[in-house]
């Protein structure tokens, strides 16, 4: 969801909102990764904790998009020839 919101903010040229969601998404991803080496698809909207439901997968690829937002925000994605 964060990734899709980020793309919408980029499309409507809202740089402050883009920066904010990029920072918060990276923080969310890195907290779980640093503490447990997990990348969840879903995180609790109130607590920010991943894996708080029975069927959570601790390494689900969609969660990696949280990091992709930061790469895009800092221009690294375009440097790889991706748009």
Protein backbone atom coordinates (compact mmCIF):
# COMPACT_ATOMS: atom_id res chain seq x y z
CA UNK A 1 0.00 0.00 0.00
CA UNK A 2 2.81 2.42 0.88
CA UNK A 3 4.42 1.85 -2.51
CA UNK A 4 1.21 2.67 -4.39
CA UNK A 5 0.65 5.78 -2.28
CA UNK A 6 4.23 6.86 -2.97
CA UNK A 7 3.72 6.48 -6.72
CA UNK A 8 0.57 8.62 -6.49
CA UNK A 9 2.39 11.32 -4.54
CA UNK A 10 5.16 11.28 -7.14
CA UNK A 11 2.66 11.58 -9.98
CA UNK A 12 1.06 14.64 -8.37
CA UNK A 13 4.47 16.14 -7.53
CA UNK A 14 4.10 16.36 -3.75
CA UNK A 15 7.76 16.24 -2.69
CA UNK A 16 7.30 16.80 1.05
CA UNK A 17 4.73 14.01 1.29
CA UNK A 18 6.95 11.76 -0.87
CA UNK A 19 9.89 12.35 1.44
CA UNK A 20 7.80 11.66 4.54
CA UNK A 21 6.39 8.35 3.30
CA UNK A 22 9.85 7.29 2.06
CA UNK A 23 11.43 7.97 5.46
CA UNK A 24 8.66 6.27 7.43
CA UNK A 25 8.54 3.25 5.12
CA UNK A 26 12.29 2.71 5.39
CA UNK A 27 12.16 3.10 9.17
CA UNK A 28 9.36 0.52 9.36
CA UNK A 29 11.27 -1.96 7.20
CA UNK A 30 14.62 -1.49 8.94
CA UNK A 31 13.23 -1.78 12.48
CA UNK A 32 11.90 -5.28 11.83
CA UNK A 33 14.92 -6.28 9.73
CA UNK A 34 17.47 -5.05 12.29
CA UNK A 35 15.72 -6.68 15.24
CA UNK A 36 14.54 -9.98 13.70
CA UNK A 37 15.72 -10.23 10.06
CA UNK A 38 12.11 -10.30 8.92
CA UNK A 39 10.42 -8.53 6.01
CA UNK A 40 6.66 -8.71 6.34
CA UNK A 41 4.02 -7.92 3.77
CA UNK A 42 1.73 -6.36 6.36
CA UNK A 43 2.45 -4.29 9.43
CA UNK A 44 0.01 -3.30 12.15
CA UNK A 45 -1.36 0.18 11.35
CA UNK A 46 -1.29 1.22 15.02
CA UNK A 47 1.85 -0.40 16.43
CA UNK A 48 3.97 -0.84 13.28
CA UNK A 49 4.70 -4.43 14.29
CA UNK A 50 4.89 -7.05 11.58
CA UNK A 51 3.84 -10.65 12.07
CA UNK A 52 1.18 -10.00 14.66
CA UNK A 53 -1.32 -12.21 12.87
CA UNK A 54 -1.34 -16.02 12.74
CA UNK A 55 -0.76 -16.36 8.99
CA UNK A 56 2.07 -13.80 8.67
CA UNK A 57 5.08 -14.81 6.61
CA UNK A 58 8.37 -13.50 8.04
CA UNK A 59 10.01 -13.07 4.64
CA UNK A 60 7.46 -12.00 2.07
CA UNK A 61 8.74 -10.27 -1.04
CA UNK A 62 6.12 -7.48 -1.25
CA UNK A 63 7.53 -6.07 1.98
CA UNK A 64 10.73 -5.23 0.12
CA UNK A 65 8.85 -2.44 -1.65
CA UNK A 66 9.18 -0.43 1.56
CA UNK A 67 12.91 -0.20 0.83
CA UNK A 68 12.32 0.43 -2.87
CA UNK A 69 10.50 3.65 -1.97
CA UNK A 70 13.66 5.02 -0.34
CA UNK A 71 15.75 4.02 -3.37
CA UNK A 72 13.36 5.80 -5.69
CA UNK A 73 13.18 8.88 -3.47
CA UNK A 74 16.97 9.24 -3.53
CA UNK A 75 17.21 8.72 -7.29
CA UNK A 76 18.99 5.35 -7.17
CA UNK A 77 16.24 3.56 -9.07
CA UNK A 78 16.62 5.82 -12.10
CA UNK A 79 20.42 5.38 -12.06
CA UNK A 80 19.85 1.68 -12.80
CA UNK A 81 17.89 2.65 -15.92
CA UNK A 82 14.49 1.98 -14.34
CA UNK A 83 11.68 4.51 -14.46
